[in-house]
């Protein structure tokens, strides 16, 4: 896990899966719950300290879910993998390109 956290520490996990769609994520979680297999969802790895021990679990990484879209005048929908800075840039661009 040390390659997936910002402070670069942590032992190994049995599976590390990067999901690329919400549908894939939902199906994966459903299968893991049915099997009783332990799992954890991980974003960018900046707010976690992972233990040095190896762990028999699945880590699901959301960094590929970086989409953002405007649904109406007041609403943005962002994927869980989008960095906050990317969301802010998108919103600022909308402000400066609107007819307001």
N, C-alpha and C. Protein backbone atom coordinates (compact mmCIF):
# COMPACT_ATOMS: atom_id res chain seq x y z
N UNK A 1 0.81 -1.21 0.00
CA UNK A 1 0.00 0.00 0.00
C UNK A 1 0.85 1.26 0.00
N UNK A 2 2.14 1.11 0.27
CA UNK A 2 2.96 2.32 0.33
C UNK A 2 3.00 3.08 -0.99
N UNK A 3 2.75 2.42 -2.11
CA UNK A 3 2.70 3.12 -3.40
C UNK A 3 1.40 3.90 -3.59
N UNK A 4 0.43 3.68 -2.70
CA UNK A 4 -0.89 4.27 -2.88
C UNK A 4 -1.27 5.27 -1.78
N UNK A 5 -0.33 5.63 -0.93
CA UNK A 5 -0.60 6.64 0.10
C UNK A 5 0.43 7.76 -0.03
N UNK A 6 0.04 8.95 0.36
CA UNK A 6 0.94 10.09 0.17
C UNK A 6 2.14 10.06 1.10
N UNK A 7 2.03 9.42 2.26
CA UNK A 7 3.20 9.36 3.14
C UNK A 7 4.06 8.12 2.90
N UNK A 8 3.66 7.30 1.93
CA UNK A 8 4.46 6.18 1.42
C UNK A 8 4.85 5.15 2.49
N UNK A 9 3.85 4.75 3.28
CA UNK A 9 4.08 3.64 4.21
C UNK A 9 2.92 2.66 4.08
N UNK A 10 3.13 1.44 4.54
CA UNK A 10 2.07 0.45 4.57
C UNK A 10 2.47 -0.86 3.93
N UNK A 11 1.88 -1.92 4.48
CA UNK A 11 2.14 -3.26 3.97
C UNK A 11 1.28 -3.58 2.76
N UNK A 12 1.35 -4.84 2.35
CA UNK A 12 0.64 -5.30 1.15
C UNK A 12 -0.80 -5.69 1.48
N UNK A 13 -1.63 -5.68 0.44
CA UNK A 13 -2.99 -6.21 0.54
C UNK A 13 -3.13 -7.30 -0.51
N UNK A 14 -4.09 -8.20 -0.32
CA UNK A 14 -4.23 -9.32 -1.25
C UNK A 14 -4.74 -8.88 -2.61
N UNK A 15 -5.57 -7.83 -2.66
CA UNK A 15 -6.08 -7.33 -3.95
C UNK A 15 -6.21 -5.82 -3.91
N UNK A 16 -5.80 -5.16 -5.00
CA UNK A 16 -5.95 -3.72 -5.16
C UNK A 16 -6.61 -3.50 -6.50
N UNK A 17 -7.84 -2.97 -6.49
CA UNK A 17 -8.63 -2.85 -7.71
C UNK A 17 -8.97 -1.39 -7.95
N UNK A 18 -8.66 -0.91 -9.14
CA UNK A 18 -9.04 0.44 -9.55
C UNK A 18 -10.30 0.31 -10.40
N UNK A 19 -11.39 0.90 -9.93
CA UNK A 19 -12.65 0.82 -10.68
C UNK A 19 -12.78 2.04 -11.59
N UNK A 20 -13.38 1.84 -12.75
CA UNK A 20 -13.49 2.93 -13.72
C UNK A 20 -14.92 3.38 -13.96
N UNK A 21 -15.88 2.77 -13.28
CA UNK A 21 -17.27 3.20 -13.43
C UNK A 21 -18.03 2.92 -12.14
N UNK A 22 -19.09 3.67 -11.94
CA UNK A 22 -19.93 3.48 -10.77
C UNK A 22 -20.61 2.12 -10.83
N UNK A 23 -20.97 1.68 -12.02
CA UNK A 23 -21.60 0.37 -12.18
C UNK A 23 -20.65 -0.76 -11.78
N UNK A 24 -19.39 -0.64 -12.18
CA UNK A 24 -18.39 -1.64 -11.79
C UNK A 24 -18.21 -1.65 -10.27
N UNK A 25 -18.14 -0.46 -9.68
CA UNK A 25 -18.00 -0.35 -8.23
C UNK A 25 -19.17 -1.02 -7.52
N UNK A 26 -20.39 -0.75 -7.95
CA UNK A 26 -21.57 -1.33 -7.31
C UNK A 26 -21.56 -2.85 -7.41
N UNK A 27 -21.23 -3.37 -8.59
CA UNK A 27 -21.18 -4.82 -8.76
C UNK A 27 -20.10 -5.47 -7.92
N UNK A 28 -18.95 -4.84 -7.85
CA UNK A 28 -17.84 -5.37 -7.05
C UNK A 28 -18.20 -5.40 -5.57
N UNK A 29 -18.77 -4.32 -5.07
CA UNK A 29 -19.15 -4.28 -3.65
C UNK A 29 -20.22 -5.33 -3.37
N UNK A 30 -21.17 -5.49 -4.25
CA UNK A 30 -22.21 -6.50 -4.07
C UNK A 30 -21.59 -7.90 -3.96
N UNK A 31 -20.65 -8.22 -4.86
CA UNK A 31 -20.01 -9.54 -4.81
C UNK A 31 -19.16 -9.72 -3.55
N UNK A 32 -18.45 -8.66 -3.15
CA UNK A 32 -17.63 -8.77 -1.94
C UNK A 32 -18.50 -8.97 -0.69
N UNK A 33 -19.60 -8.26 -0.62
CA UNK A 33 -20.51 -8.43 0.53
C UNK A 33 -21.09 -9.84 0.56
N UNK A 34 -21.48 -10.34 -0.60
CA UNK A 34 -22.05 -11.70 -0.67
C UNK A 34 -21.03 -12.75 -0.24
N UNK A 35 -19.77 -12.51 -0.57
CA UNK A 35 -18.73 -13.48 -0.23
C UNK A 35 -18.21 -13.32 1.19
N UNK A 36 -18.53 -12.19 1.82
CA UNK A 36 -18.02 -11.93 3.16
C UNK A 36 -16.57 -11.49 3.18
N UNK A 37 -16.02 -11.19 2.03
CA UNK A 37 -14.62 -10.77 1.92
C UNK A 37 -14.45 -9.34 2.42
N UNK A 38 -13.48 -9.08 3.28
CA UNK A 38 -13.27 -7.71 3.77
C UNK A 38 -12.74 -6.81 2.66
N UNK A 39 -13.22 -5.57 2.67
CA UNK A 39 -12.78 -4.60 1.67
C UNK A 39 -12.77 -3.21 2.28
N UNK A 40 -12.06 -2.32 1.59
CA UNK A 40 -12.00 -0.93 1.98
C UNK A 40 -11.97 -0.09 0.71
N UNK A 41 -12.62 1.06 0.76
CA UNK A 41 -12.61 1.98 -0.37
C UNK A 41 -11.58 3.06 -0.09
N UNK A 42 -10.73 3.33 -1.09
CA UNK A 42 -9.65 4.28 -0.95
C UNK A 42 -9.73 5.34 -2.04
N UNK A 43 -9.55 6.57 -1.66
CA UNK A 43 -9.49 7.66 -2.64
C UNK A 43 -8.04 7.89 -3.04
N UNK A 44 -7.58 9.11 -2.86
CA UNK A 44 -6.23 9.47 -3.26
C UNK A 44 -5.14 9.04 -2.29
N UNK A 45 -5.51 8.56 -1.12
CA UNK A 45 -4.53 8.08 -0.15
C UNK A 45 -3.86 9.16 0.67
N UNK A 46 -4.45 10.36 0.70
CA UNK A 46 -3.79 11.46 1.40
C UNK A 46 -4.22 11.59 2.86
N UNK A 47 -5.26 10.94 3.26
CA UNK A 47 -5.71 11.07 4.64
C UNK A 47 -5.75 9.73 5.37
N UNK A 48 -4.75 8.90 5.07
CA UNK A 48 -4.73 7.57 5.68
C UNK A 48 -3.30 7.18 6.04
N UNK A 49 -3.18 6.50 7.16
CA UNK A 49 -1.91 5.88 7.56
C UNK A 49 -2.17 4.38 7.57
N UNK A 50 -1.58 3.69 6.63
CA UNK A 50 -1.82 2.25 6.48
C UNK A 50 -0.84 1.47 7.34
N UNK A 51 -1.30 0.41 8.01
CA UNK A 51 -0.39 -0.38 8.84
C UNK A 51 0.68 -1.10 8.01
N UNK A 52 1.82 -1.38 8.63
CA UNK A 52 2.92 -2.06 7.94
C UNK A 52 2.64 -3.55 7.71
N UNK A 53 1.70 -4.11 8.44
CA UNK A 53 1.39 -5.53 8.30
C UNK A 53 0.66 -5.79 6.99
N UNK A 54 0.94 -6.94 6.37
CA UNK A 54 0.19 -7.36 5.20
C UNK A 54 -1.22 -7.73 5.63
N UNK A 55 -2.21 -7.43 4.76
CA UNK A 55 -3.60 -7.68 5.12
C UNK A 55 -4.30 -8.44 4.00
N UNK A 56 -5.11 -9.44 4.40
CA UNK A 56 -5.90 -10.22 3.44
C UNK A 56 -7.23 -9.50 3.24
N UNK A 57 -7.21 -8.51 2.34
CA UNK A 57 -8.41 -7.75 2.05
C UNK A 57 -8.31 -7.13 0.67
N UNK A 58 -9.45 -6.67 0.19
CA UNK A 58 -9.51 -6.01 -1.11
C UNK A 58 -9.57 -4.51 -0.87
N UNK A 59 -8.72 -3.76 -1.54
CA UNK A 59 -8.77 -2.31 -1.50
C UNK A 59 -9.30 -1.86 -2.86
N UNK A 60 -10.37 -1.08 -2.82
CA UNK A 60 -11.00 -0.56 -4.03
C UNK A 60 -10.61 0.91 -4.17
N UNK A 61 -9.92 1.23 -5.24
CA UNK A 61 -9.43 2.59 -5.46
C UNK A 61 -10.37 3.33 -6.41
N UNK A 62 -10.71 4.57 -6.05
CA UNK A 62 -11.68 5.35 -6.81
C UNK A 62 -11.06 6.46 -7.67
N UNK A 63 -9.75 6.52 -7.76
CA UNK A 63 -9.11 7.65 -8.45
C UNK A 63 -9.47 7.75 -9.92
N UNK A 64 -9.94 6.68 -10.54
CA UNK A 64 -10.32 6.76 -11.96
C UNK A 64 -11.71 7.39 -12.14
N UNK A 65 -12.44 7.56 -11.07
CA UNK A 65 -13.78 8.16 -11.15
C UNK A 65 -13.65 9.67 -11.01
N UNK A 66 -13.14 10.31 -12.05
CA UNK A 66 -12.80 11.74 -11.99
C UNK A 66 -13.76 12.62 -12.78
N UNK A 67 -14.91 12.14 -13.09
CA UNK A 67 -15.83 12.92 -13.91
C UNK A 67 -16.46 14.07 -13.11
N UNK A 68 -16.85 15.10 -13.83
CA UNK A 68 -17.60 16.20 -13.24
C UNK A 68 -18.51 16.76 -14.33
N UNK A 69 -19.74 17.04 -13.95
CA UNK A 69 -20.66 17.62 -14.92
C UNK A 69 -21.63 18.55 -14.21
N UNK A 70 -22.12 19.47 -14.99
CA UNK A 70 -23.09 20.43 -14.50
C UNK A 70 -24.48 19.91 -14.89
N UNK A 71 -25.37 19.79 -13.91
CA UNK A 71 -26.70 19.26 -14.21
C UNK A 71 -27.73 20.36 -14.38
N UNK A 72 -27.51 21.48 -13.71
CA UNK A 72 -28.38 22.64 -13.87
C UNK A 72 -27.61 23.88 -13.42
N UNK A 73 -28.28 24.96 -13.29
CA UNK A 73 -27.63 26.24 -12.97
C UNK A 73 -26.89 26.22 -11.62
N UNK A 74 -27.34 25.38 -10.69
CA UNK A 74 -26.77 25.39 -9.33
C UNK A 74 -26.14 24.08 -8.89
N UNK A 75 -26.08 23.07 -9.75
CA UNK A 75 -25.66 21.74 -9.31
C UNK A 75 -24.53 21.18 -10.17
N UNK A 76 -23.51 20.69 -9.50
CA UNK A 76 -22.44 19.93 -10.13
C UNK A 76 -22.44 18.53 -9.54
N UNK A 77 -22.16 17.54 -10.36
CA UNK A 77 -22.01 16.17 -9.88
C UNK A 77 -20.59 15.74 -10.18
N UNK A 78 -19.88 15.31 -9.14
CA UNK A 78 -18.48 14.94 -9.30
C UNK A 78 -18.26 13.50 -8.85
N UNK A 79 -17.38 12.81 -9.56
CA UNK A 79 -17.00 11.46 -9.18
C UNK A 79 -16.14 11.47 -7.93
N UNK A 80 -16.17 10.37 -7.22
CA UNK A 80 -15.45 10.27 -5.95
C UNK A 80 -13.94 10.37 -6.11
N UNK A 81 -13.43 10.12 -7.30
CA UNK A 81 -11.99 10.20 -7.53
C UNK A 81 -11.49 11.57 -7.95
N UNK A 82 -12.39 12.50 -8.14
CA UNK A 82 -11.99 13.85 -8.55
C UNK A 82 -11.37 14.58 -7.38
N UNK A 83 -10.20 15.14 -7.60
CA UNK A 83 -9.58 15.94 -6.54
C UNK A 83 -10.36 17.22 -6.34
N UNK A 84 -10.35 17.71 -5.12
CA UNK A 84 -11.08 18.94 -4.81
C UNK A 84 -10.59 20.09 -5.68
N UNK A 85 -9.28 20.15 -5.93
CA UNK A 85 -8.75 21.22 -6.76
C UNK A 85 -9.33 21.17 -8.18
N UNK A 86 -9.57 19.98 -8.70
CA UNK A 86 -10.18 19.84 -10.03
C UNK A 86 -11.62 20.32 -10.04
N UNK A 87 -12.34 20.03 -8.99
CA UNK A 87 -13.72 20.49 -8.88
C UNK A 87 -13.77 22.01 -8.78
N UNK A 88 -12.87 22.58 -8.00
CA UNK A 88 -12.82 24.04 -7.86
C UNK A 88 -12.49 24.68 -9.20
N UNK A 89 -11.51 24.15 -9.93
CA UNK A 89 -11.16 24.70 -11.25
C UNK A 89 -12.35 24.66 -12.20
N UNK A 90 -13.07 23.55 -12.19
CA UNK A 90 -14.25 23.41 -13.05
C UNK A 90 -15.29 24.47 -12.69
N UNK A 91 -15.55 24.63 -11.40
CA UNK A 91 -16.55 25.60 -10.95
C UNK A 91 -16.13 27.04 -11.29
N UNK A 92 -14.86 27.35 -11.11
CA UNK A 92 -14.37 28.70 -11.42
C UNK A 92 -14.49 28.96 -12.92
N UNK A 93 -14.16 28.00 -13.73
CA UNK A 93 -14.30 28.17 -15.18
C UNK A 93 -15.75 28.44 -15.56
N UNK A 94 -16.67 27.75 -14.90
CA UNK A 94 -18.09 28.01 -15.15
C UNK A 94 -18.47 29.44 -14.81
N UNK A 95 -17.94 29.93 -13.69
CA UNK A 95 -18.25 31.30 -13.27
C UNK A 95 -17.76 32.31 -14.30
N UNK A 96 -16.57 32.09 -14.82
CA UNK A 96 -15.98 33.06 -15.74
C UNK A 96 -16.47 32.91 -17.17
N UNK A 97 -17.13 31.81 -17.50
CA UNK A 97 -17.65 31.65 -18.85
C UNK A 97 -19.15 31.82 -18.93
N UNK A 98 -19.80 32.06 -17.79
CA UNK A 98 -21.26 32.23 -17.81
C UNK A 98 -21.61 33.64 -18.29
N UNK A 99 -22.85 33.85 -18.60
CA UNK A 99 -23.33 35.14 -19.08
C UNK A 99 -23.70 36.09 -17.95
N UNK A 100 -23.36 35.76 -16.75
CA UNK A 100 -23.73 36.58 -15.59
C UNK A 100 -23.00 37.90 -15.55
